[in-house]
Amino acid sequence: MIRQLLFSSLALTALLAISLPAEQTGPPRRVLAADDSTRRLAIIAPDGSVEWEMKVGAIHDAWVLPNGNILYQQGWTKTVEVTPDKQAVWEYDSAKMNGNEGKRVEVHAFQRLAGGLTMIVESGPARIIEVDKAGKIHREVKLKVNNPNPHSDTRLVRKIANGHYLVAHESDGFVREYDAAGRIVWDYEVPLFGKERKGGHGPEAFGNSLFSAIRLANGNTLIGGGNGHCVLEVTPKKEIVWKLEQNDLPGITLAWVTRVERLPNGNTRFGNCHAGPDNPQFIEVTKDKKVVWTFKDFKSFGNSMPVQAVLETKK
């Protein structure tokens, strides 16, 4: 009997190891993530199981909308909204619509806006557009790009509370804030901190090819430093008041820092892409840089997971 119980226990442990590949430290959470190396967009339940998934190609942005639908990209040019049962209810192909035919274009950011319009950011044409369900443009904002490249004009872009657009210009190394008329009202060049550039995305690389920027309630800007391996909080006067660097977290190495988020309790969440299987892909730290939560899943996902978000737990 003891031998049978031991065998059953070992079998259960093996089964759990196979079916629950996600590892979380700290409070278990429901996570949306996407990885182009495994071609998977998925929602991972708090117990580590795959709650929902969809095959994707190139992907740098994704959302779960208030109605439960998923807004994501299918390759570099197509933005798609699907229901939880994977029925497409809306799509927009930036390679074929509104003057982009024949042009090289890539989409790295989009956002469903209040009122139903969808903001789409088109690298190559270097513009932000807001389109309705029929694909008609209601607003177009031209972007300043010093180093034009359809793959790296922009990374994440968000429309913020004041109606402006906060743009992470990857290849320029700049965060630029544009007003509704396309005027730059604030910018910030991510510094190199006296270091030499080294190409790539992994821990060995270095540069100021940033991935994201969000505006905080206190007026500061939180920046995901990309291959600068850092998170920066910068004041409107461009002073760095908080910085998380590559080796600040014991036992964790930062590589391509992607999405960033400041929580109501003051903690900061951020994505850690291209850092290798020894490191978590999603991390939460306190203001004094204590790690309180991590997420790592190199079975459902791989070493190219730029999309991460914590979702509300299903009731």
C-alpha atoms as a PDB file:
ATOM      1  CA  MET A   1       0.000   0.000   0.000  1.00  0.00           C
ATOM      2  CA  ILE A   2       2.797   2.421   0.937  1.00  0.00           C
ATOM      3  CA  ARG A   3       4.575   1.594  -2.328  1.00  0.00           C
ATOM      4  CA  GLN A   4       1.344   2.246  -4.281  1.00  0.00           C
ATOM      5  CA  LEU A   5       0.795   5.557  -2.504  1.00  0.00           C
ATOM      6  CA  LEU A   6       4.394   6.566  -3.175  1.00  0.00           C
ATOM      7  CA  PHE A   7       4.017   5.637  -6.837  1.00  0.00           C
ATOM      8  CA  SER A   8       0.755   7.579  -7.079  1.00  0.00           C
ATOM      9  CA  SER A   9       2.368  10.593  -5.434  1.00  0.00           C
ATOM     10  CA  LEU A  10       5.336  10.489  -7.803  1.00  0.00           C
ATOM     11  CA  ALA A  11       3.001  10.071 -10.776  1.00  0.00           C
ATOM     12  CA  LEU A  12       0.947  13.059  -9.662  1.00  0.00           C
ATOM     13  CA  THR A  13       4.080  15.139  -9.197  1.00  0.00           C
ATOM     14  CA  ALA A  14       5.246  14.210 -12.699  1.00  0.00           C
ATOM     15  CA  LEU A  15       1.828  15.024 -14.133  1.00  0.00           C
ATOM     16  CA  LEU A  16       1.795  18.429 -12.448  1.00  0.00           C
ATOM     17  CA  ALA A  17       5.280  19.142 -13.746  1.00  0.00           C
ATOM     18  CA  ILE A  18       4.029  18.457 -17.262  1.00  0.00           C
ATOM     19  CA  SER A  19       0.677  20.240 -17.084  1.00  0.00           C
ATOM     20  CA  LEU A  20       1.667  23.209 -14.900  1.00  0.00           C
ATOM     21  CA  PRO A  21       4.867  24.547 -16.437  1.00  0.00           C
ATOM     22  CA  ALA A  22       4.575  28.163 -15.287  1.00  0.00           C
ATOM     23  CA  GLU A  23       6.611  29.074 -12.207  1.00  0.00           C
ATOM     24  CA  GLN A  24       5.541  31.980 -10.004  1.00  0.00           C
ATOM     25  CA  THR A  25       7.127  33.253  -6.821  1.00  0.00           C
ATOM     26  CA  GLY A  26       4.922  35.372  -4.583  1.00  0.00           C
ATOM     27  CA  PRO A  27       1.126  35.570  -4.903  1.00  0.00           C
ATOM     28  CA  PRO A  28      -0.090  33.452  -7.869  1.00  0.00           C
ATOM     29  CA  ARG A  29      -1.575  35.586 -10.614  1.00  0.00           C
ATOM     30  CA  ARG A  30      -3.376  35.336 -13.928  1.00  0.00           C
ATOM     31  CA  VAL A  31      -1.051  36.433 -16.725  1.00  0.00           C
ATOM     32  CA  LEU A  32      -1.419  37.418 -20.375  1.00  0.00           C
ATOM     33  CA  ALA A  33       1.773  36.793 -22.328  1.00  0.00           C
ATOM     34  CA  ALA A  34       2.970  36.437 -25.899  1.00  0.00           C
ATOM     35  CA  ASP A  35       6.162  35.084 -27.403  1.00  0.00           C
ATOM     36  CA  ASP A  36       7.052  35.089 -31.082  1.00  0.00           C
ATOM     37  CA  SER A  37       9.661  32.322 -30.730  1.00  0.00           C
ATOM     38  CA  THR A  38       6.960  29.843 -29.655  1.00  0.00           C
ATOM     39  CA  ARG A  39       4.309  31.660 -31.734  1.00  0.00           C
ATOM     40  CA  ARG A  40       1.942  31.710 -28.767  1.00  0.00           C
ATOM     41  CA  LEU A  41      -0.376  34.267 -27.189  1.00  0.00           C
ATOM     42  CA  ALA A  42      -1.855  32.828 -24.005  1.00  0.00           C
ATOM     43  CA  ILE A  43      -3.563  33.495 -20.710  1.00  0.00           C
ATOM     44  CA  ILE A  44      -1.975  31.536 -17.863  1.00  0.00           C
ATOM     45  CA  ALA A  45      -4.187  30.816 -14.850  1.00  0.00           C
ATOM     46  CA  PRO A  46      -2.888  31.351 -11.294  1.00  0.00           C
ATOM     47  CA  ASP A  47      -2.369  27.588 -10.944  1.00  0.00           C
ATOM     48  CA  GLY A  48      -0.003  27.637 -13.932  1.00  0.00           C
ATOM     49  CA  SER A  49      -2.322  25.982 -16.423  1.00  0.00           C
ATOM     50  CA  VAL A  50      -3.017  27.411 -19.878  1.00  0.00           C
ATOM     51  CA  GLU A  51      -6.478  28.981 -19.706  1.00  0.00           C
ATOM     52  CA  TRP A  52      -6.579  30.257 -23.303  1.00  0.00           C
ATOM     53  CA  GLU A  53      -4.140  30.381 -26.179  1.00  0.00           C
ATOM     54  CA  MET A  54      -3.832  31.341 -29.791  1.00  0.00           C
ATOM     55  CA  LYS A  55      -1.159  30.880 -32.423  1.00  0.00           C
ATOM     56  CA  VAL A  56       0.478  34.143 -33.471  1.00  0.00           C
ATOM     57  CA  GLY A  57       3.419  35.414 -35.483  1.00  0.00           C
ATOM     58  CA  ALA A  58       5.376  38.565 -34.788  1.00  0.00           C
ATOM     59  CA  ILE A  59       3.875  40.318 -31.775  1.00  0.00           C
ATOM     60  CA  HIS A  60       4.795  43.275 -29.543  1.00  0.00           C
ATOM     61  CA  ASP A  61       1.427  44.255 -28.050  1.00  0.00           C
ATOM     62  CA  ALA A  62      -1.824  42.658 -26.836  1.00  0.00           C
ATOM     63  CA  TRP A  63      -4.783  43.549 -24.619  1.00  0.00           C
ATOM     64  CA  VAL A  64      -7.696  41.841 -22.920  1.00  0.00           C
ATOM     65  CA  LEU A  65     -10.549  44.320 -23.450  1.00  0.00           C
ATOM     66  CA  PRO A  66     -13.246  45.102 -20.855  1.00  0.00           C
ATOM     67  CA  ASN A  67     -15.735  42.975 -22.810  1.00  0.00           C
ATOM     68  CA  GLY A  68     -13.423  39.964 -22.551  1.00  0.00           C
ATOM     69  CA  ASN A  69     -12.287  40.057 -26.163  1.00  0.00           C
ATOM     70  CA  ILE A  70      -8.590  39.988 -27.001  1.00  0.00           C
ATOM     71  CA  LEU A  71      -6.998  42.725 -29.120  1.00  0.00           C
ATOM     72  CA  TYR A  72      -3.690  41.556 -30.548  1.00  0.00           C
ATOM     73  CA  GLN A  73      -1.588  41.583 -33.693  1.00  0.00           C
ATOM     74  CA  GLN A  74      -1.221  38.803 -36.219  1.00  0.00           C
ATOM     75  CA  GLY A  75       2.156  39.503 -37.783  1.00  0.00           C
ATOM     76  CA  TRP A  76       3.652  42.948 -38.187  1.00  0.00           C
ATOM     77  CA  THR A  77       0.760  44.595 -40.029  1.00  0.00           C
ATOM     78  CA  LYS A  78      -2.595  43.184 -38.936  1.00  0.00           C
ATOM     79  CA  THR A  79      -4.429  44.236 -35.754  1.00  0.00           C
ATOM     80  CA  VAL A  80      -7.227  41.813 -34.788  1.00  0.00           C
ATOM     81  CA  GLU A  81      -9.962  41.596 -32.150  1.00  0.00           C
ATOM     82  CA  VAL A  82     -11.225  38.107 -31.310  1.00  0.00           C
ATOM     83  CA  THR A  83     -13.781  36.775 -28.870  1.00  0.00           C
ATOM     84  CA  PRO A  84     -12.698  34.313 -26.155  1.00  0.00           C
ATOM     85  CA  ASP A  85     -13.822  31.505 -28.490  1.00  0.00           C
ATOM     86  CA  LYS A  86     -11.440  32.902 -31.129  1.00  0.00           C
ATOM     87  CA  GLN A  87     -14.010  34.386 -33.510  1.00  0.00           C
ATOM     88  CA  ALA A  88     -12.622  37.463 -35.261  1.00  0.00           C
ATOM     89  CA  VAL A  89     -14.960  40.436 -34.857  1.00  0.00           C
ATOM     90  CA  TRP A  90     -12.672  43.189 -36.192  1.00  0.00           C
ATOM     91  CA  GLU A  91      -9.390  43.584 -38.009  1.00  0.00           C
ATOM     92  CA  TYR A  92      -7.293  46.267 -39.657  1.00  0.00           C
ATOM     93  CA  ASP A  93      -4.380  45.574 -41.992  1.00  0.00           C
ATOM     94  CA  SER A  94      -1.926  48.476 -41.996  1.00  0.00           C
ATOM     95  CA  ALA A  95      -0.165  47.121 -45.088  1.00  0.00           C
ATOM     96  CA  LYS A  96      -3.258  47.518 -47.265  1.00  0.00           C
ATOM     97  CA  MET A  97      -5.269  50.462 -45.964  1.00  0.00           C
ATOM     98  CA  ASN A  98      -5.311  54.256 -45.977  1.00  0.00           C
ATOM     99  CA  GLY A  99      -2.363  54.965 -48.234  1.00  0.00           C
ATOM    100  CA  ASN A 100       0.074  52.261 -47.134  1.00  0.00           C
ATOM    101  CA  GLU A 101      -0.278  49.968 -50.164  1.00  0.00           C
ATOM    102  CA  GLY A 102       3.182  49.039 -51.447  1.00  0.00           C
ATOM    103  CA  LYS A 103       4.961  50.560 -48.449  1.00  0.00           C
ATOM    104  CA  ARG A 104       6.965  48.693 -45.854  1.00  0.00           C
ATOM    105  CA  VAL A 105       5.089  49.058 -42.582  1.00  0.00           C
ATOM    106  CA  GLU A 106       5.238  47.421 -39.167  1.00  0.00           C
ATOM    107  CA  VAL A 107       2.893  47.799 -36.210  1.00  0.00           C
ATOM    108  CA  HIS A 108       4.335  47.539 -32.709  1.00  0.00           C
ATOM    109  CA  ALA A 109       1.603  49.214 -30.646  1.00  0.00           C
ATOM    110  CA  PHE A 110      -2.155  49.740 -30.588  1.00  0.00           C
ATOM    111  CA  GLN A 111      -4.831  50.638 -28.058  1.00  0.00           C
ATOM    112  CA  ARG A 112      -8.636  50.552 -27.916  1.00  0.00           C
ATOM    113  CA  LEU A 113      -9.753  54.043 -26.906  1.00  0.00           C
ATOM    114  CA  ALA A 114     -12.768  55.267 -24.988  1.00  0.00           C
ATOM    115  CA  GLY A 115     -15.565  55.721 -27.512  1.00  0.00           C
ATOM    116  CA  GLY A 116     -14.543  52.724 -29.589  1.00  0.00           C
ATOM    117  CA  LEU A 117     -11.798  54.037 -31.864  1.00  0.00           C
ATOM    118  CA  THR A 118      -8.590  52.041 -32.110  1.00  0.00           C
ATOM    119  CA  MET A 119      -5.202  53.742 -32.033  1.00  0.00           C
ATOM    120  CA  ILE A 120      -2.658  52.046 -34.290  1.00  0.00           C
ATOM    121  CA  VAL A 121       0.980  53.099 -34.570  1.00  0.00           C
ATOM    122  CA  GLU A 122       2.589  52.519 -37.951  1.00  0.00           C
ATOM    123  CA  SER A 123       6.380  52.361 -38.170  1.00  0.00           C
ATOM    124  CA  GLY A 124       7.625  53.083 -41.675  1.00  0.00           C
ATOM    125  CA  PRO A 125       4.899  55.616 -42.462  1.00  0.00           C
ATOM    126  CA  ALA A 126       5.835  57.023 -39.021  1.00  0.00           C
ATOM    127  CA  ARG A 127       2.357  57.943 -37.915  1.00  0.00           C
ATOM    128  CA  ILE A 128      -0.294  57.342 -35.281  1.00  0.00           C
ATOM    129  CA  ILE A 129      -3.808  56.816 -36.582  1.00  0.00           C
ATOM    130  CA  GLU A 130      -7.152  56.441 -34.839  1.00  0.00           C
ATOM    131  CA  VAL A 131      -9.598  54.366 -36.854  1.00  0.00           C
ATOM    132  CA  ASP A 132     -13.229  53.347 -36.450  1.00  0.00           C
ATOM    133  CA  LYS A 133     -14.707  49.881 -36.992  1.00  0.00           C
ATOM    134  CA  ALA A 134     -14.948  50.520 -40.731  1.00  0.00           C
ATOM    135  CA  GLY A 135     -11.243  51.434 -40.886  1.00  0.00           C
ATOM    136  CA  LYS A 136     -11.844  55.138 -41.470  1.00  0.00           C
ATOM    137  CA  ILE A 137      -9.156  57.409 -40.055  1.00  0.00           C
ATOM    138  CA  HIS A 138     -10.491  59.956 -37.562  1.00  0.00           C
ATOM    139  CA  ARG A 139      -7.103  61.355 -36.561  1.00  0.00           C
ATOM    140  CA  GLU A 140      -3.571  61.132 -37.905  1.00  0.00           C
ATOM    141  CA  VAL A 141      -0.434  62.279 -36.067  1.00  0.00           C
ATOM    142  CA  LYS A 142       2.915  62.376 -37.856  1.00  0.00           C
ATOM    143  CA  LEU A 143       5.925  61.253 -35.836  1.00  0.00           C
ATOM    144  CA  LYS A 144       9.453  62.622 -35.731  1.00  0.00           C
ATOM    145  CA  VAL A 145      12.031  59.915 -36.458  1.00  0.00           C
ATOM    146  CA  ASN A 146      15.770  60.639 -36.569  1.00  0.00           C
ATOM    147  CA  ASN A 147      16.823  57.134 -37.609  1.00  0.00           C
ATOM    148  CA  PRO A 148      14.031  55.828 -39.865  1.00  0.00           C
ATOM    149  CA  ASN A 149      13.516  52.081 -39.919  1.00  0.00           C
ATOM    150  CA  PRO A 150      10.131  50.353 -40.249  1.00  0.00           C
ATOM    151  CA  HIS A 151      11.233  47.773 -37.689  1.00  0.00           C
ATOM    152  CA  SER A 152      12.401  50.223 -35.031  1.00  0.00           C
ATOM    153  CA  ASP A 153      10.781  53.648 -35.507  1.00  0.00           C
ATOM    154  CA  THR A 154       8.609  52.853 -32.496  1.00  0.00           C
ATOM    155  CA  ARG A 155       7.907  50.256 -29.860  1.00  0.00           C
ATOM    156  CA  LEU A 156       5.082  50.728 -27.362  1.00  0.00           C
ATOM    157  CA  VAL A 157       2.926  53.850 -27.647  1.00  0.00           C
ATOM    158  CA  ARG A 158       0.111  54.849 -25.314  1.00  0.00           C
ATOM    159  CA  LYS A 159      -2.513  57.577 -25.436  1.00  0.00           C
ATOM    160  CA  ILE A 160      -2.411  59.125 -21.982  1.00  0.00           C
ATOM    161  CA  ALA A 161      -4.920  60.898 -19.739  1.00  0.00           C
ATOM    162  CA  ASN A 162      -4.312  64.384 -21.180  1.00  0.00           C
ATOM    163  CA  GLY A 163      -5.107  63.182 -24.704  1.00  0.00           C
ATOM    164  CA  HIS A 164      -1.462  63.196 -25.768  1.00  0.00           C
ATOM    165  CA  TYR A 165       0.565  60.270 -27.107  1.00  0.00           C
ATOM    166  CA  LEU A 166       3.620  58.948 -25.275  1.00  0.00           C
ATOM    167  CA  VAL A 167       5.888  57.307 -27.849  1.00  0.00           C
ATOM    168  CA  ALA A 168       8.872  55.027 -27.251  1.00  0.00           C
ATOM    169  CA  HIS A 169      11.097  55.630 -30.288  1.00  0.00           C
ATOM    170  CA  GLU A 170      13.326  52.578 -30.174  1.00  0.00           C
ATOM    171  CA  SER A 171      16.022  53.399 -32.720  1.00  0.00           C
ATOM    172  CA  ASP A 172      16.207  57.067 -31.706  1.00  0.00           C
ATOM    173  CA  GLY A 173      16.524  56.261 -28.001  1.00  0.00           C
ATOM    174  CA  PHE A 174      13.906  58.918 -27.245  1.00  0.00           C
ATOM    175  CA  VAL A 175      10.600  59.135 -25.447  1.00  0.00           C
ATOM    176  CA  ARG A 176       8.514  61.828 -27.149  1.00  0.00           C
ATOM    177  CA  GLU A 177       5.161  63.181 -26.041  1.00  0.00           C
ATOM    178  CA  TYR A 178       2.991  64.474 -28.900  1.00  0.00           C
ATOM    179  CA  ASP A 179      -0.152  66.544 -28.510  1.00  0.00           C
ATOM    180  CA  ALA A 180      -3.260  65.956 -30.627  1.00  0.00           C
ATOM    181  CA  ALA A 181      -1.880  68.216 -33.361  1.00  0.00           C
ATOM    182  CA  GLY A 182       1.405  66.295 -33.538  1.00  0.00           C
ATOM    183  CA  ARG A 183       3.545  68.861 -31.722  1.00  0.00           C
ATOM    184  CA  ILE A 184       6.268  67.470 -29.466  1.00  0.00           C
ATOM    185  CA  VAL A 185       5.565  68.925 -26.020  1.00  0.00           C
ATOM    186  CA  TRP A 186       8.120  66.891 -24.050  1.00  0.00           C
ATOM    187  CA  ASP A 187      10.940  64.517 -24.840  1.00  0.00           C
ATOM    188  CA  TYR A 188      13.643  62.565 -23.095  1.00  0.00           C
ATOM    189  CA  GLU A 189      16.729  60.917 -24.537  1.00  0.00           C
ATOM    190  CA  VAL A 190      17.570  57.732 -22.650  1.00  0.00           C
ATOM    191  CA  PRO A 191      21.217  58.063 -21.572  1.00  0.00           C
ATOM    192  CA  LEU A 192      23.991  55.556 -22.187  1.00  0.00           C
ATOM    193  CA  PHE A 193      25.470  56.275 -18.740  1.00  0.00           C
ATOM    194  CA  GLY A 194      28.989  56.433 -20.142  1.00  0.00           C
ATOM    195  CA  LYS A 195      28.890  52.925 -21.606  1.00  0.00           C
ATOM    196  CA  GLU A 196      29.651  51.818 -25.160  1.00  0.00           C
ATOM    197  CA  ARG A 197      26.925  50.405 -27.378  1.00  0.00           C
ATOM    198  CA  LYS A 198      26.876  46.668 -28.031  1.00  0.00           C
ATOM    199  CA  GLY A 199      24.365  45.315 -30.520  1.00  0.00           C
ATOM    200  CA  GLY A 200      21.662  42.804 -29.732  1.00  0.00           C
ATOM    201  CA  HIS A 201      18.918  42.139 -27.202  1.00  0.00           C
ATOM    202  CA  GLY A 202      20.426  39.781 -24.623  1.00  0.00           C
ATOM    203  CA  PRO A 203      22.255  40.473 -21.360  1.00  0.00           C
ATOM    204  CA  GLU A 204      25.526  41.000 -23.246  1.00  0.00           C
ATOM    205  CA  ALA A 205      24.068  43.797 -25.400  1.00  0.00           C
ATOM    206  CA  PHE A 206      23.805  47.444 -24.433  1.00  0.00           C
ATOM    207  CA  GLY A 207      22.258  50.607 -25.776  1.00  0.00           C
ATOM    208  CA  ASN A 208      19.363  52.993 -25.332  1.00  0.00           C
ATOM    209  CA  SER A 209      16.931  51.212 -27.655  1.00  0.00           C
ATOM    210  CA  LEU A 210      13.975  51.631 -25.339  1.00  0.00           C
ATOM    211  CA  PHE A 211      10.743  49.613 -25.475  1.00  0.00           C
ATOM    212  CA  SER A 212       8.080  51.474 -23.474  1.00  0.00           C
ATOM    213  CA  ALA A 213       7.082  54.554 -21.516  1.00  0.00           C
ATOM    214  CA  ILE A 214       4.047  55.367 -19.377  1.00  0.00           C
ATOM    215  CA  ARG A 215       2.977  58.543 -17.598  1.00  0.00           C
ATOM    216  CA  LEU A 216       2.568  58.162 -13.847  1.00  0.00           C
ATOM    217  CA  ALA A 217      -0.055  59.842 -11.678  1.00  0.00           C
ATOM    218  CA  ASN A 218       2.652  62.068 -10.143  1.00  0.00           C
ATOM    219  CA  GLY A 219       3.547  63.433 -13.591  1.00  0.00           C
ATOM    220  CA  ASN A 220       6.770  61.463 -13.917  1.00  0.00           C
ATOM    221  CA  THR A 221       7.469  59.073 -16.772  1.00  0.00           C
ATOM    222  CA  LEU A 222       8.348  55.406 -16.246  1.00  0.00           C
ATOM    223  CA  ILE A 223      10.528  53.964 -19.005  1.00  0.00           C
ATOM    224  CA  GLY A 224      11.264  50.365 -20.011  1.00  0.00           C
ATOM    225  CA  GLY A 225      14.864  50.683 -21.111  1.00  0.00           C
ATOM    226  CA  GLY A 226      15.033  47.883 -23.706  1.00  0.00           C
ATOM    227  CA  ASN A 227      18.655  46.884 -24.237  1.00  0.00           C
ATOM    228  CA  GLY A 228      19.728  49.385 -21.589  1.00  0.00           C
ATOM    229  CA  HIS A 229      18.611  46.645 -19.149  1.00  0.00           C
ATOM    230  CA  CYS A 230      16.921  49.188 -16.916  1.00  0.00           C
ATOM    231  CA  VAL A 231      13.740  50.804 -15.663  1.00  0.00           C
ATOM    232  CA  LEU A 232      13.876  54.588 -15.223  1.00  0.00           C
ATOM    233  CA  GLU A 233      11.520  57.027 -13.532  1.00  0.00           C
ATOM    234  CA  VAL A 234      12.076  60.524 -14.884  1.00  0.00           C
ATOM    235  CA  THR A 235      10.561  63.842 -13.780  1.00  0.00           C
ATOM    236  CA  PRO A 236       9.133  66.431 -16.200  1.00  0.00           C
ATOM    237  CA  LYS A 237      12.471  68.260 -15.707  1.00  0.00           C
ATOM    238  CA  LYS A 238      14.249  65.101 -16.928  1.00  0.00           C
ATOM    239  CA  GLU A 239      15.753  64.141 -13.602  1.00  0.00           C
ATOM    240  CA  ILE A 240      16.085  60.420 -12.846  1.00  0.00           C
ATOM    241  CA  VAL A 241      14.486  59.812  -9.440  1.00  0.00           C
ATOM    242  CA  TRP A 242      14.419  56.001  -9.538  1.00  0.00           C
ATOM    243  CA  LYS A 243      16.482  53.525 -11.496  1.00  0.00           C
ATOM    244  CA  LEU A 244      16.625  49.743 -11.612  1.00  0.00           C
ATOM    245  CA  GLU A 245      19.754  48.405 -13.311  1.00  0.00           C
ATOM    246  CA  GLN A 246      20.793  45.102 -14.844  1.00  0.00           C
ATOM    247  CA  ASN A 247      22.266  43.473 -11.746  1.00  0.00           C
ATOM    248  CA  ASP A 248      20.326  45.174  -8.948  1.00  0.00           C
ATOM    249  CA  LEU A 249      18.216  42.092  -8.177  1.00  0.00           C
ATOM    250  CA  PRO A 250      20.062  39.194  -6.495  1.00  0.00           C
ATOM    251  CA  GLY A 251      20.064  36.096  -8.679  1.00  0.00           C
ATOM    252  CA  ILE A 252      18.328  37.861 -11.591  1.00  0.00           C
ATOM    253  CA  THR A 253      19.908  39.373 -14.691  1.00  0.00           C
ATOM    254  CA  LEU A 254      17.947  41.885 -16.742  1.00  0.00           C
ATOM    255  CA  ALA A 255      18.150  41.871 -20.529  1.00  0.00           C
ATOM    256  CA  TRP A 256      15.569  43.462 -22.862  1.00  0.00           C
ATOM    257  CA  VAL A 257      13.248  45.359 -20.503  1.00  0.00           C
ATOM    258  CA  THR A 258       9.831  45.657 -22.147  1.00  0.00           C
ATOM    259  CA  ARG A 259       6.505  46.714 -20.608  1.00  0.00           C
ATOM    260  CA  VAL A 260       6.552  48.712 -17.379  1.00  0.00           C
ATOM    261  CA  GLU A 261       3.790  49.393 -14.843  1.00  0.00           C
ATOM    262  CA  ARG A 262       3.629  51.264 -11.546  1.00  0.00           C
ATOM    263  CA  LEU A 263       1.127  49.771  -9.105  1.00  0.00           C
ATOM    264  CA  PRO A 264      -0.998  51.701  -6.575  1.00  0.00           C
ATOM    265  CA  ASN A 265       1.159  50.371  -3.724  1.00  0.00           C
ATOM    266  CA  GLY A 266       4.280  51.822  -5.338  1.00  0.00           C
ATOM    267  CA  ASN A 267       5.638  48.549  -6.683  1.00  0.00           C
ATOM    268  CA  THR A 268       6.878  48.303 -10.263  1.00  0.00           C
ATOM    269  CA  ARG A 269       6.185  45.452 -12.691  1.00  0.00           C
ATOM    270  CA  PHE A 270       8.180  44.970 -15.852  1.00  0.00           C
ATOM    271  CA  GLY A 271       8.980  42.463 -18.555  1.00  0.00           C
ATOM    272  CA  ASN A 272      12.420  40.842 -18.861  1.00  0.00           C
ATOM    273  CA  CYS A 273      12.777  39.502 -22.396  1.00  0.00           C
ATOM    274  CA  HIS A 274      15.772  37.696 -23.996  1.00  0.00           C
ATOM    275  CA  ALA A 275      17.351  37.061 -20.587  1.00  0.00           C
ATOM    276  CA  GLY A 276      17.544  33.269 -20.930  1.00  0.00           C
ATOM    277  CA  PRO A 277      15.844  30.406 -19.060  1.00  0.00           C
ATOM    278  CA  ASP A 278      17.686  31.085 -15.799  1.00  0.00           C
ATOM    279  CA  ASN A 279      15.804  34.367 -15.390  1.00  0.00           C
ATOM    280  CA  PRO A 280      12.117  35.244 -14.923  1.00  0.00           C
ATOM    281  CA  GLN A 281      10.278  36.883 -17.804  1.00  0.00           C
ATOM    282  CA  PHE A 282       8.016  39.074 -15.643  1.00  0.00           C
ATOM    283  CA  ILE A 283       9.042  40.696 -12.353  1.00  0.00           C
ATOM    284  CA  GLU A 284       7.566  42.882  -9.612  1.00  0.00           C
ATOM    285  CA  VAL A 285       9.773  44.851  -7.237  1.00  0.00           C
ATOM    286  CA  THR A 286       9.241  47.312  -4.398  1.00  0.00           C
ATOM    287  CA  LYS A 287      10.568  50.859  -4.406  1.00  0.00           C
ATOM    288  CA  ASP A 288      13.638  49.628  -2.505  1.00  0.00           C
ATOM    289  CA  LYS A 289      14.175  46.940  -5.189  1.00  0.00           C
ATOM    290  CA  LYS A 290      13.004  43.922  -3.249  1.00  0.00           C
ATOM    291  CA  VAL A 291      11.579  41.202  -5.516  1.00  0.00           C
ATOM    292  CA  VAL A 292       8.035  40.316  -4.411  1.00  0.00           C
ATOM    293  CA  TRP A 293       6.804  38.350  -7.453  1.00  0.00           C
ATOM    294  CA  THR A 294       8.184  36.675 -10.552  1.00  0.00           C
ATOM    295  CA  PHE A 295       6.768  34.702 -13.473  1.00  0.00           C
ATOM    296  CA  LYS A 296       8.779  32.259 -15.564  1.00  0.00           C
ATOM    297  CA  ASP A 297       7.466  29.849 -18.199  1.00  0.00           C
ATOM    298  CA  PHE A 298       9.887  28.455 -20.771  1.00  0.00           C
ATOM    299  CA  LYS A 299       7.531  25.705 -21.873  1.00  0.00           C
ATOM    300  CA  SER A 300       4.549  27.693 -23.103  1.00  0.00           C
ATOM    301  CA  PHE A 301       6.844  30.595 -23.957  1.00  0.00           C
ATOM    302  CA  GLY A 302      10.490  31.104 -24.840  1.00  0.00           C
ATOM    303  CA  ASN A 303      13.248  33.687 -24.825  1.00  0.00           C
ATOM    304  CA  SER A 304      11.326  36.241 -26.888  1.00  0.00           C
ATOM    305  CA  MET A 305       8.336  37.217 -24.720  1.00  0.00           C
ATOM    306  CA  PRO A 306       7.851  41.010 -25.013  1.00  0.00           C
ATOM    307  CA  VAL A 307       4.164  41.001 -24.020  1.00  0.00           C
ATOM    308  CA  GLN A 308       3.244  40.568 -20.344  1.00  0.00           C
ATOM    309  CA  ALA A 309       0.305  41.751 -18.249  1.00  0.00           C
ATOM    310  CA  VAL A 310      -1.335  40.697 -15.002  1.00  0.00           C
ATOM    311  CA  LEU A 311      -5.096  40.173 -15.422  1.00  0.00           C
ATOM    312  CA  GLU A 312      -7.933  40.085 -12.968  1.00  0.00           C
ATOM    313  CA  THR A 313      -8.506  36.604 -11.580  1.00  0.00           C
ATOM    314  CA  LYS A 314     -11.646  34.939 -12.920  1.00  0.00           C
ATOM    315  CA  LYS A 315     -14.507  34.811 -10.437  1.00  0.00           C
END
